[in-house]
Amino acid sequence: MSNWTSLWYVWLILLTVFLLLLCGITASCIKFCCRKKRPSVETFPRHPYDLTAIAIDSDSTAHSTVT
């Protein structure tokens, strides 16, 4: 069996994975904290919109004039 301390590349891979995991957790915490502190402000007030739908049959004269 080989000695675990002589396998330096295994320790390097484990350290790299651990640092990437730590950076991801730190970035997620910072993003969550910044989002929580900043109040959500709408730039434009919302206005209700009216929607009108006009159904045209194929037998309609308006449809024949449009086509």
Protein backbone atom coordinates (compact mmCIF):
# COMPACT_ATOMS: atom_id res chain seq x y z
CA MET A 1 0.00 0.00 0.00
CA SER A 2 1.17 3.49 -0.77
CA ASN A 3 1.51 6.16 1.86
CA TRP A 4 -1.28 8.81 1.75
CA THR A 5 1.16 11.67 2.36
CA SER A 6 3.14 10.77 -0.75
CA LEU A 7 0.03 11.13 -2.93
CA TRP A 8 0.28 14.93 -3.13
CA TYR A 9 -1.98 15.18 -6.17
CA VAL A 10 -4.90 13.64 -4.25
CA TRP A 11 -4.52 16.30 -1.56
CA LEU A 12 -4.29 18.99 -4.25
CA ILE A 13 -7.53 17.82 -5.88
CA LEU A 14 -9.30 17.65 -2.50
CA LEU A 15 -8.07 21.13 -1.59
CA THR A 16 -9.25 22.52 -4.95
CA VAL A 17 -12.72 20.98 -4.56
CA PHE A 18 -12.96 22.28 -1.00
CA LEU A 19 -11.95 25.82 -2.03
CA LEU A 20 -14.46 25.84 -4.90
CA LEU A 21 -17.19 24.68 -2.55
CA LEU A 22 -16.24 27.32 0.01
CA CYS A 23 -16.23 30.08 -2.64
CA GLY A 24 -19.67 28.99 -3.89
CA ILE A 25 -21.16 29.01 -0.40
CA THR A 26 -19.62 32.41 0.37
CA ALA A 27 -20.91 33.91 -2.89
CA SER A 28 -24.40 32.54 -2.23
CA CYS A 29 -24.44 34.00 1.28
CA ILE A 30 -23.27 37.41 0.04
CA LYS A 31 -25.88 37.41 -2.73
CA PHE A 32 -28.62 36.43 -0.28
CA CYS A 33 -27.61 39.10 2.25
CA CYS A 34 -27.40 41.87 -0.36
CA ARG A 35 -30.80 40.96 -1.79
CA LYS A 36 -32.37 40.97 1.67
CA LYS A 37 -31.01 44.42 2.69
CA ARG A 38 -32.04 46.22 -0.51
CA PRO A 39 -35.74 47.08 -0.58
CA SER A 40 -37.51 46.17 -3.78
CA VAL A 41 -38.62 49.41 -5.43
CA GLU A 42 -40.61 49.46 -8.63
CA THR A 43 -39.37 52.07 -11.10
CA PHE A 44 -42.76 52.59 -12.72
CA PRO A 45 -46.13 52.22 -11.04
CA ARG A 46 -48.27 49.47 -12.51
CA HIS A 47 -51.41 50.52 -14.33
CA PRO A 48 -54.25 48.22 -15.25
CA TYR A 49 -54.58 47.56 -18.95
CA ASP A 50 -57.71 46.92 -21.00
CA LEU A 51 -57.55 44.06 -23.45
CA THR A 52 -59.95 43.84 -26.35
CA ALA A 53 -60.25 40.67 -28.41
CA ILE A 54 -62.14 40.63 -31.69
CA ALA A 55 -63.07 37.27 -33.18
CA ILE A 56 -63.49 37.13 -36.94
CA ASP A 57 -65.09 34.18 -38.68
CA SER A 58 -64.00 33.01 -42.10
CA ASP A 59 -67.47 33.95 -43.42
CA SER A 60 -67.17 37.52 -42.21
CA THR A 61 -66.95 40.36 -44.77
CA ALA A 62 -64.24 42.06 -42.72
CA HIS A 63 -62.07 38.96 -43.03
CA SER A 64 -62.53 38.78 -46.78
CA THR A 65 -61.62 42.46 -47.20
CA VAL A 66 -58.47 42.08 -45.08
CA THR A 67 -57.23 39.09 -46.99
